[in-house]
PDB file of N, CA and C in Angstrom:
ATOM      1  N   MET A   1      80.839 -44.107  15.961  1.00  0.00           N
ATOM      2  CA  MET A   1      80.135 -43.858  14.549  1.00  0.00           C
ATOM      3  C   MET A   1      79.615 -45.152  14.102  1.00  0.00           C
ATOM      4  N   PRO A   2      78.356 -45.079  13.802  1.00  0.00           N
ATOM      5  CA  PRO A   2      77.389 -46.177  13.450  1.00  0.00           C
ATOM      6  C   PRO A   2      77.902 -46.843  12.060  1.00  0.00           C
ATOM      7  N   GLN A   3      77.957 -48.077  11.896  1.00  0.00           N
ATOM      8  CA  GLN A   3      78.330 -48.816  10.776  1.00  0.00           C
ATOM      9  C   GLN A   3      77.301 -48.623   9.492  1.00  0.00           C
ATOM     10  N   HIS A   4      77.651 -48.391   8.465  1.00  0.00           N
ATOM     11  CA  HIS A   4      76.755 -48.219   7.349  1.00  0.00           C
ATOM     12  C   HIS A   4      76.085 -49.573   6.819  1.00  0.00           C
ATOM     13  N   GLU A   5      74.967 -49.702   6.756  1.00  0.00           N
ATOM     14  CA  GLU A   5      74.309 -50.970   6.487  1.00  0.00           C
ATOM     15  C   GLU A   5      74.136 -51.255   5.006  1.00  0.00           C
ATOM     16  N   GLY A   6      74.334 -50.392   4.123  1.00  0.00           N
ATOM     17  CA  GLY A   6      74.239 -50.562   2.765  1.00  0.00           C
ATOM     18  C   GLY A   6      73.104 -49.776   2.044  1.00  0.00           C
ATOM     19  N   TYR A   7      72.858 -50.153   0.775  1.00  0.00           N
ATOM     20  CA  TYR A   7      71.902 -49.348   0.124  1.00  0.00           C
ATOM     21  C   TYR A   7      70.523 -50.154  -0.275  1.00  0.00           C
ATOM     22  N   GLN A   8      70.373 -51.357   0.406  1.00  0.00           N
ATOM     23  CA  GLN A   8      69.191 -52.075   0.091  1.00  0.00           C
ATOM     24  C   GLN A   8      67.752 -51.395   0.221  1.00  0.00           C
ATOM     25  N   ASN A   9      67.635 -50.486   1.134  1.00  0.00           N
ATOM     26  CA  ASN A   9      66.318 -49.841   1.151  1.00  0.00           C
ATOM     27  C   ASN A   9      66.180 -48.881   0.090  1.00  0.00           C
ATOM     28  N   THR A  10      67.381 -48.127  -0.297  1.00  0.00           N
ATOM     29  CA  THR A  10      67.375 -47.314  -1.249  1.00  0.00           C
ATOM     30  C   THR A  10      66.984 -47.917  -2.690  1.00  0.00           C
ATOM     31  N   LEU A  11      67.696 -49.049  -2.849  1.00  0.00           N
ATOM     32  CA  LEU A  11      67.558 -49.654  -4.120  1.00  0.00           C
ATOM     33  C   LEU A  11      66.089 -50.273  -4.280  1.00  0.00           C
ATOM     34  N   ASN A  12      65.357 -50.760  -3.204  1.00  0.00           N
ATOM     35  CA  ASN A  12      64.110 -51.262  -3.116  1.00  0.00           C
ATOM     36  C   ASN A  12      63.094 -50.074  -3.462  1.00  0.00           C
ATOM     37  N   LEU A  13      63.273 -49.016  -2.898  1.00  0.00           N
ATOM     38  CA  LEU A  13      62.459 -47.844  -3.202  1.00  0.00           C
ATOM     39  C   LEU A  13      62.653 -47.392  -4.637  1.00  0.00           C
ATOM     40  N   THR A  14      63.899 -47.425  -5.138  1.00  0.00           N
ATOM     41  CA  THR A  14      64.079 -46.920  -6.574  1.00  0.00           C
ATOM     42  C   THR A  14      63.499 -48.000  -7.562  1.00  0.00           C
ATOM     43  N   ILE A  15      63.636 -49.310  -7.320  1.00  0.00           N
ATOM     44  CA  ILE A  15      63.131 -50.207  -8.121  1.00  0.00           C
ATOM     45  C   ILE A  15      61.602 -50.237  -8.202  1.00  0.00           C
ATOM     46  N   SER A  16      61.127 -50.140  -6.949  1.00  0.00           N
ATOM     47  CA  SER A  16      59.627 -50.085  -6.705  1.00  0.00           C
ATOM     48  C   SER A  16      59.069 -48.892  -7.430  1.00  0.00           C
ATOM     49  N   LEU A  17      59.563 -47.790  -7.354  1.00  0.00           N
ATOM     50  CA  LEU A  17      59.155 -46.561  -8.156  1.00  0.00           C
ATOM     51  C   LEU A  17      59.129 -46.706  -9.624  1.00  0.00           C
ATOM     52  N   CYS A  18      60.243 -47.319 -10.058  1.00  0.00           N
ATOM     53  CA  CYS A  18      60.351 -47.431 -11.461  1.00  0.00           C
ATOM     54  C   CYS A  18      59.210 -48.525 -11.985  1.00  0.00           C
ATOM     55  N   LEU A  19      59.032 -49.589 -11.175  1.00  0.00           N
ATOM     56  CA  LEU A  19      57.852 -50.481 -11.626  1.00  0.00           C
ATOM     57  C   LEU A  19      56.534 -49.765 -11.637  1.00  0.00           C
ATOM     58  N   THR A  20      56.245 -48.968 -10.487  1.00  0.00           N
ATOM     59  CA  THR A  20      55.099 -48.324 -10.419  1.00  0.00           C
ATOM     60  C   THR A  20      54.734 -47.292 -11.584  1.00  0.00           C
ATOM     61  N   TYR A  21      55.857 -46.549 -11.899  1.00  0.00           N
ATOM     62  CA  TYR A  21      55.811 -45.526 -13.123  1.00  0.00           C
ATOM     63  C   TYR A  21      55.601 -46.335 -14.347  1.00  0.00           C
ATOM     64  N   THR A  22      56.177 -47.519 -14.688  1.00  0.00           N
ATOM     65  CA  THR A  22      55.985 -48.197 -15.826  1.00  0.00           C
ATOM     66  C   THR A  22      54.577 -48.764 -16.023  1.00  0.00           C
ATOM     67  N   LEU A  23      54.216 -49.376 -14.806  1.00  0.00           N
ATOM     68  CA  LEU A  23      52.719 -49.991 -14.934  1.00  0.00           C
ATOM     69  C   LEU A  23      51.657 -48.942 -15.080  1.00  0.00           C
ATOM     70  N   CYS A  24      51.828 -47.839 -14.354  1.00  0.00           N
ATOM     71  CA  CYS A  24      50.896 -46.701 -14.588  1.00  0.00           C
ATOM     72  C   CYS A  24      50.860 -46.108 -15.906  1.00  0.00           C
ATOM     73  N   ILE A  25      51.974 -45.884 -16.484  1.00  0.00           N
ATOM     74  CA  ILE A  25      52.112 -45.366 -17.807  1.00  0.00           C
ATOM     75  C   ILE A  25      51.576 -46.319 -18.813  1.00  0.00           C
ATOM     76  N   ALA A  26      51.697 -47.671 -18.700  1.00  0.00           N
ATOM     77  CA  ALA A  26      51.188 -48.587 -19.504  1.00  0.00           C
ATOM     78  C   ALA A  26      49.684 -48.614 -19.419  1.00  0.00           C
ATOM     79  N   CYS A  27      49.145 -48.625 -18.214  1.00  0.00           N
ATOM     80  CA  CYS A  27      47.656 -48.600 -18.028  1.00  0.00           C
ATOM     81  C   CYS A  27      46.936 -47.344 -18.726  1.00  0.00           C
ATOM     82  N   VAL A  28      47.617 -46.045 -18.522  1.00  0.00           N
ATOM     83  CA  VAL A  28      47.139 -45.010 -19.199  1.00  0.00           C
ATOM     84  C   VAL A  28      47.228 -45.076 -20.702  1.00  0.00           C
ATOM     85  N   ARG A  29      48.259 -45.535 -21.277  1.00  0.00           N
ATOM     86  CA  ARG A  29      48.426 -45.728 -22.681  1.00  0.00           C
ATOM     87  C   ARG A  29      47.265 -46.593 -23.086  1.00  0.00           C
ATOM     88  N   ILE A  30      47.040 -47.769 -22.526  1.00  0.00           N
ATOM     89  CA  ILE A  30      45.990 -48.623 -22.985  1.00  0.00           C
ATOM     90  C   ILE A  30      44.738 -48.071 -22.974  1.00  0.00           C
ATOM     91  N   TRP A  31      44.405 -47.216 -21.845  1.00  0.00           N
ATOM     92  CA  TRP A  31      43.153 -46.697 -21.710  1.00  0.00           C
ATOM     93  C   TRP A  31      42.952 -45.504 -22.740  1.00  0.00           C
ATOM     94  N   ILE A  32      43.928 -44.683 -23.042  1.00  0.00           N
ATOM     95  CA  ILE A  32      43.837 -43.652 -24.030  1.00  0.00           C
ATOM     96  C   ILE A  32      43.655 -44.316 -25.435  1.00  0.00           C
ATOM     97  N   ARG A  33      44.531 -45.338 -25.844  1.00  0.00           N
ATOM     98  CA  ARG A  33      44.373 -45.862 -27.081  1.00  0.00           C
ATOM     99  C   ARG A  33      43.559 -47.080 -27.214  1.00  0.00           C
ATOM    100  N   LYS A  34      42.309 -47.161 -26.613  1.00  0.00           N
ATOM    101  CA  LYS A  34      41.444 -48.293 -26.585  1.00  0.00           C
ATOM    102  C   LYS A  34      41.262 -49.001 -27.860  1.00  0.00           C
ATOM    103  N   THR A  35      40.992 -48.380 -28.996  1.00  0.00           N
ATOM    104  CA  THR A  35      40.680 -48.946 -30.132  1.00  0.00           C
ATOM    105  C   THR A  35      41.644 -48.692 -31.442  1.00  0.00           C
ATOM    106  N   ALA A  36      42.557 -47.762 -31.189  1.00  0.00           N
ATOM    107  CA  ALA A  36      43.398 -47.259 -32.112  1.00  0.00           C
ATOM    108  C   ALA A  36      44.834 -47.793 -32.052  1.00  0.00           C
ATOM    109  N   TYR A  37      45.017 -49.015 -31.834  1.00  0.00           N
ATOM    110  CA  TYR A  37      46.433 -49.569 -31.681  1.00  0.00           C
ATOM    111  C   TYR A  37      47.270 -49.571 -32.914  1.00  0.00           C
ATOM    112  N   GLY A  38      48.453 -49.280 -32.882  1.00  0.00           N
ATOM    113  CA  GLY A  38      49.396 -49.377 -34.050  1.00  0.00           C
ATOM    114  C   GLY A  38      50.688 -50.018 -33.694  1.00  0.00           C
ATOM    115  N   ILE A  39      51.650 -49.868 -34.738  1.00  0.00           N
ATOM    116  CA  ILE A  39      52.886 -50.411 -34.556  1.00  0.00           C
ATOM    117  C   ILE A  39      53.676 -49.763 -33.283  1.00  0.00           C
ATOM    118  N   ASP A  40      53.544 -48.574 -33.210  1.00  0.00           N
ATOM    119  CA  ASP A  40      54.102 -47.966 -31.923  1.00  0.00           C
ATOM    120  C   ASP A  40      53.711 -48.553 -30.671  1.00  0.00           C
ATOM    121  N   ASP A  41      52.408 -48.999 -30.546  1.00  0.00           N
ATOM    122  CA  ASP A  41      51.993 -49.604 -29.297  1.00  0.00           C
ATOM    123  C   ASP A  41      52.612 -50.894 -29.147  1.00  0.00           C
ATOM    124  N   PHE A  42      52.923 -51.718 -30.220  1.00  0.00           N
ATOM    125  CA  PHE A  42      53.463 -53.090 -30.218  1.00  0.00           C
ATOM    126  C   PHE A  42      55.023 -52.785 -29.657  1.00  0.00           C
ATOM    127  N   VAL A  43      55.568 -51.878 -30.184  1.00  0.00           N
ATOM    128  CA  VAL A  43      57.012 -51.473 -29.792  1.00  0.00           C
ATOM    129  C   VAL A  43      57.169 -51.132 -28.338  1.00  0.00           C
ATOM    130  N   ILE A  44      56.207 -50.375 -27.844  1.00  0.00           N
ATOM    131  CA  ILE A  44      56.210 -50.020 -26.467  1.00  0.00           C
ATOM    132  C   ILE A  44      55.780 -51.245 -25.503  1.00  0.00           C
ATOM    133  N   ALA A  45      54.903 -52.017 -25.958  1.00  0.00           N
ATOM    134  CA  ALA A  45      54.561 -53.306 -25.296  1.00  0.00           C
ATOM    135  C   ALA A  45      55.605 -54.187 -25.036  1.00  0.00           C
ATOM    136  N   VAL A  46      56.567 -54.245 -26.177  1.00  0.00           N
ATOM    137  CA  VAL A  46      57.801 -55.106 -26.066  1.00  0.00           C
ATOM    138  C   VAL A  46      58.729 -54.489 -25.151  1.00  0.00           C
ATOM    139  N   ALA A  47      58.831 -53.204 -25.172  1.00  0.00           N
ATOM    140  CA  ALA A  47      59.852 -52.384 -24.292  1.00  0.00           C
ATOM    141  C   ALA A  47      59.248 -52.633 -22.738  1.00  0.00           C
ATOM    142  N   THR A  48      58.119 -52.485 -22.528  1.00  0.00           N
ATOM    143  CA  THR A  48      57.423 -52.696 -21.171  1.00  0.00           C
ATOM    144  C   THR A  48      57.812 -54.043 -20.646  1.00  0.00           C
ATOM    145  N   LEU A  49      57.569 -55.067 -21.517  1.00  0.00           N
ATOM    146  CA  LEU A  49      57.901 -56.507 -21.125  1.00  0.00           C
ATOM    147  C   LEU A  49      59.381 -56.641 -20.758  1.00  0.00           C
ATOM    148  N   VAL A  50      60.194 -56.002 -21.576  1.00  0.00           N
ATOM    149  CA  VAL A  50      61.685 -55.943 -21.279  1.00  0.00           C
ATOM    150  C   VAL A  50      61.894 -55.367 -19.863  1.00  0.00           C
ATOM    151  N   THR A  51      61.281 -54.233 -19.651  1.00  0.00           N
ATOM    152  CA  THR A  51      61.338 -53.379 -18.384  1.00  0.00           C
ATOM    153  C   THR A  51      60.956 -54.262 -17.162  1.00  0.00           C
ATOM    154  N   LEU A  52      59.787 -54.985 -17.360  1.00  0.00           N
ATOM    155  CA  LEU A  52      59.239 -55.862 -16.382  1.00  0.00           C
ATOM    156  C   LEU A  52      60.353 -57.027 -16.007  1.00  0.00           C
ATOM    157  N   GLY A  53      60.966 -57.547 -17.123  1.00  0.00           N
ATOM    158  CA  GLY A  53      61.850 -58.654 -16.692  1.00  0.00           C
ATOM    159  C   GLY A  53      63.153 -58.126 -16.088  1.00  0.00           C
ATOM    160  N   ASN A  54      63.508 -56.769 -16.416  1.00  0.00           N
ATOM    161  CA  ASN A  54      64.643 -56.179 -15.708  1.00  0.00           C
ATOM    162  C   ASN A  54      64.275 -55.874 -14.274  1.00  0.00           C
ATOM    163  N   THR A  55      63.112 -55.496 -14.006  1.00  0.00           N
ATOM    164  CA  THR A  55      62.549 -55.235 -12.793  1.00  0.00           C
ATOM    165  C   THR A  55      62.687 -56.591 -11.892  1.00  0.00           C
ATOM    166  N   ALA A  56      62.118 -57.675 -12.464  1.00  0.00           N
ATOM    167  CA  ALA A  56      62.160 -58.948 -11.637  1.00  0.00           C
ATOM    168  C   ALA A  56      63.453 -59.388 -11.435  1.00  0.00           C
ATOM    169  N   ALA A  57      64.389 -59.191 -12.317  1.00  0.00           N
ATOM    170  CA  ALA A  57      65.880 -59.668 -12.084  1.00  0.00           C
ATOM    171  C   ALA A  57      66.439 -58.759 -11.018  1.00  0.00           C
ATOM    172  N   SER A  58      66.045 -57.461 -11.020  1.00  0.00           N
ATOM    173  CA  SER A  58      66.495 -56.452  -9.975  1.00  0.00           C
ATOM    174  C   SER A  58      66.049 -56.790  -8.651  1.00  0.00           C
ATOM    175  N   PHE A  59      64.824 -57.242  -8.438  1.00  0.00           N
ATOM    176  CA  PHE A  59      64.328 -57.751  -7.199  1.00  0.00           C
ATOM    177  C   PHE A  59      64.981 -58.938  -6.722  1.00  0.00           C
ATOM    178  N   ALA A  60      65.113 -59.815  -7.737  1.00  0.00           N
ATOM    179  CA  ALA A  60      65.772 -61.091  -7.343  1.00  0.00           C
ATOM    180  C   ALA A  60      67.244 -60.853  -6.853  1.00  0.00           C
ATOM    181  N   SER A  61      67.957 -59.978  -7.551  1.00  0.00           N
ATOM    182  CA  SER A  61      69.289 -59.464  -7.069  1.00  0.00           C
ATOM    183  C   SER A  61      69.227 -58.896  -5.619  1.00  0.00           C
ATOM    184  N   LEU A  62      68.132 -58.109  -5.574  1.00  0.00           N
ATOM    185  CA  LEU A  62      68.011 -57.399  -4.262  1.00  0.00           C
ATOM    186  C   LEU A  62      67.856 -58.456  -2.990  1.00  0.00           C
ATOM    187  N   SER A  63      67.055 -59.536  -3.212  1.00  0.00           N
ATOM    188  CA  SER A  63      66.810 -60.641  -2.284  1.00  0.00           C
ATOM    189  C   SER A  63      68.172 -61.494  -2.082  1.00  0.00           C
ATOM    190  N   GLU A  64      68.967 -61.427  -3.118  1.00  0.00           N
ATOM    191  CA  GLU A  64      70.187 -62.206  -2.849  1.00  0.00           C
ATOM    192  C   GLU A  64      71.395 -61.271  -2.284  1.00  0.00           C
ATOM    193  N   GLY A  65      71.110 -60.255  -1.893  1.00  0.00           N
ATOM    194  CA  GLY A  65      72.095 -59.312  -1.288  1.00  0.00           C
ATOM    195  C   GLY A  65      72.788 -58.121  -1.938  1.00  0.00           C
ATOM    196  N   LEU A  66      72.026 -57.766  -3.140  1.00  0.00           N
ATOM    197  CA  LEU A  66      72.558 -56.574  -3.744  1.00  0.00           C
ATOM    198  C   LEU A  66      72.315 -55.302  -2.927  1.00  0.00           C
ATOM    199  N   GLY A  67      73.325 -54.462  -2.765  1.00  0.00           N
ATOM    200  CA  GLY A  67      73.139 -53.288  -1.804  1.00  0.00           C
ATOM    201  C   GLY A  67      73.950 -53.375  -0.660  1.00  0.00           C
ATOM    202  N   LEU A  68      74.239 -54.727  -0.309  1.00  0.00           N
ATOM    203  CA  LEU A  68      74.908 -54.910   1.062  1.00  0.00           C
ATOM    204  C   LEU A  68      76.264 -54.442   0.854  1.00  0.00           C
ATOM    205  N   PRO A  69      76.884 -54.039   2.025  1.00  0.00           N
ATOM    206  CA  PRO A  69      78.238 -53.715   2.018  1.00  0.00           C
ATOM    207  C   PRO A  69      79.132 -54.888   1.636  1.00  0.00           C
ATOM    208  N   TRP A  70      80.299 -54.714   0.961  1.00  0.00           N
ATOM    209  CA  TRP A  70      81.243 -55.695   0.665  1.00  0.00           C
ATOM    210  C   TRP A  70      81.757 -56.610   1.744  1.00  0.00           C
ATOM    211  N   SER A  71      81.863 -56.032   3.071  1.00  0.00           N
ATOM    212  CA  SER A  71      82.335 -56.643   4.101  1.00  0.00           C
ATOM    213  C   SER A  71      81.325 -57.807   4.564  1.00  0.00           C
ATOM    214  N   LYS A  72      80.034 -57.334   4.596  1.00  0.00           N
ATOM    215  CA  LYS A  72      78.888 -58.300   4.870  1.00  0.00           C
ATOM    216  C   LYS A  72      78.681 -59.330   3.694  1.00  0.00           C
ATOM    217  N   LEU A  73      78.672 -58.947   2.759  1.00  0.00           N
ATOM    218  CA  LEU A  73      78.489 -59.661   1.476  1.00  0.00           C
ATOM    219  C   LEU A  73      79.622 -60.860   1.343  1.00  0.00           C
ATOM    220  N   GLU A  74      80.838 -60.425   1.747  1.00  0.00           N
ATOM    221  CA  GLU A  74      82.060 -61.442   1.701  1.00  0.00           C
ATOM    222  C   GLU A  74      81.961 -62.447   2.671  1.00  0.00           C
ATOM    223  N   GLN A  75      81.306 -62.044   3.816  1.00  0.00           N
ATOM    224  CA  GLN A  75      81.240 -63.107   4.844  1.00  0.00           C
ATOM    225  C   GLN A  75      80.052 -63.998   4.769  1.00  0.00           C
ATOM    226  N   SER A  76      78.950 -63.613   3.992  1.00  0.00           N
ATOM    227  CA  SER A  76      77.800 -64.381   3.797  1.00  0.00           C
ATOM    228  C   SER A  76      77.948 -65.451   2.692  1.00  0.00           C
ATOM    229  N   THR A  77      76.918 -66.352   2.698  1.00  0.00           N
ATOM    230  CA  THR A  77      76.865 -67.386   1.697  1.00  0.00           C
ATOM    231  C   THR A  77      76.071 -66.968   0.560  1.00  0.00           C
ATOM    232  N   LYS A  78      75.665 -65.734   0.340  1.00  0.00           N
ATOM    233  CA  LYS A  78      74.787 -65.370  -0.710  1.00  0.00           C
ATOM    234  C   LYS A  78      75.619 -64.928  -1.901  1.00  0.00           C
ATOM    235  N   LEU A  79      77.075 -64.971  -1.846  1.00  0.00           N
ATOM    236  CA  LEU A  79      77.657 -64.218  -2.937  1.00  0.00           C
ATOM    237  C   LEU A  79      77.544 -65.034  -4.327  1.00  0.00           C
ATOM    238  N   PRO A  80      77.584 -66.481  -4.140  1.00  0.00           N
ATOM    239  CA  PRO A  80      77.401 -67.203  -5.482  1.00  0.00           C
ATOM    240  C   PRO A  80      75.962 -67.029  -5.996  1.00  0.00           C
ATOM    241  N   GLY A  81      74.907 -67.004  -5.210  1.00  0.00           N
ATOM    242  CA  GLY A  81      73.650 -66.725  -5.696  1.00  0.00           C
ATOM    243  C   GLY A  81      73.472 -65.297  -6.309  1.00  0.00           C
ATOM    244  N   LEU A  82      74.087 -64.306  -5.627  1.00  0.00           N
ATOM    245  CA  LEU A  82      74.024 -62.905  -6.243  1.00  0.00           C
ATOM    246  C   LEU A  82      74.684 -62.868  -7.534  1.00  0.00           C
ATOM    247  N   ASN A  83      75.967 -63.485  -7.751  1.00  0.00           N
ATOM    248  CA  ASN A  83      76.570 -63.598  -8.872  1.00  0.00           C
ATOM    249  C   ASN A  83      75.626 -64.171 -10.018  1.00  0.00           C
ATOM    250  N   LYS A  84      75.077 -65.306  -9.651  1.00  0.00           N
ATOM    251  CA  LYS A  84      74.243 -65.981 -10.746  1.00  0.00           C
ATOM    252  C   LYS A  84      72.995 -65.053 -11.119  1.00  0.00           C
ATOM    253  N   VAL A  85      72.379 -64.424 -10.167  1.00  0.00           N
ATOM    254  CA  VAL A  85      71.304 -63.579 -10.465  1.00  0.00           C
ATOM    255  C   VAL A  85      71.545 -62.315 -11.258  1.00  0.00           C
ATOM    256  N   THR A  86      72.717 -61.750 -10.807  1.00  0.00           N
ATOM    257  CA  THR A  86      73.088 -60.551 -11.693  1.00  0.00           C
ATOM    258  C   THR A  86      73.656 -60.913 -13.013  1.00  0.00           C
ATOM    259  N   GLN A  87      73.835 -61.900 -13.305  1.00  0.00           N
ATOM    260  CA  GLN A  87      74.158 -62.405 -14.692  1.00  0.00           C
ATOM    261  C   GLN A  87      72.988 -62.222 -15.561  1.00  0.00           C
ATOM    262  N   MET A  88      71.662 -62.365 -14.991  1.00  0.00           N
ATOM    263  CA  MET A  88      70.464 -62.175 -15.620  1.00  0.00           C
ATOM    264  C   MET A  88      70.348 -60.854 -16.179  1.00  0.00           C
ATOM    265  N   LEU A  89      70.890 -59.818 -15.427  1.00  0.00           N
ATOM    266  CA  LEU A  89      70.805 -58.307 -15.513  1.00  0.00           C
ATOM    267  C   LEU A  89      71.518 -57.957 -17.036  1.00  0.00           C
ATOM    268  N   THR A  90      72.719 -58.718 -17.202  1.00  0.00           N
ATOM    269  CA  THR A  90      73.538 -58.262 -18.359  1.00  0.00           C
ATOM    270  C   THR A  90      73.137 -58.876 -19.649  1.00  0.00           C
TER     271      THR A  90
END
């Protein structure tokens, strides 16, 4: 029976889809509300920036080994880096 390689590909796809959805919705909202910006647009812009920061931290965690099986992660030297990067997510 083959060894399970982890969830890195699934996480990469999920994070990428969330990023694409966020950017598409932001662009559509900017296009629709060209001249009629209000306080709700400011709140959504701040939320979008927070989401982009979370996405960046998620991609950084993914590059440091997020999604690897514990047996592989335990043997690699990436564990301290992953611990440091995942603290950005909380």
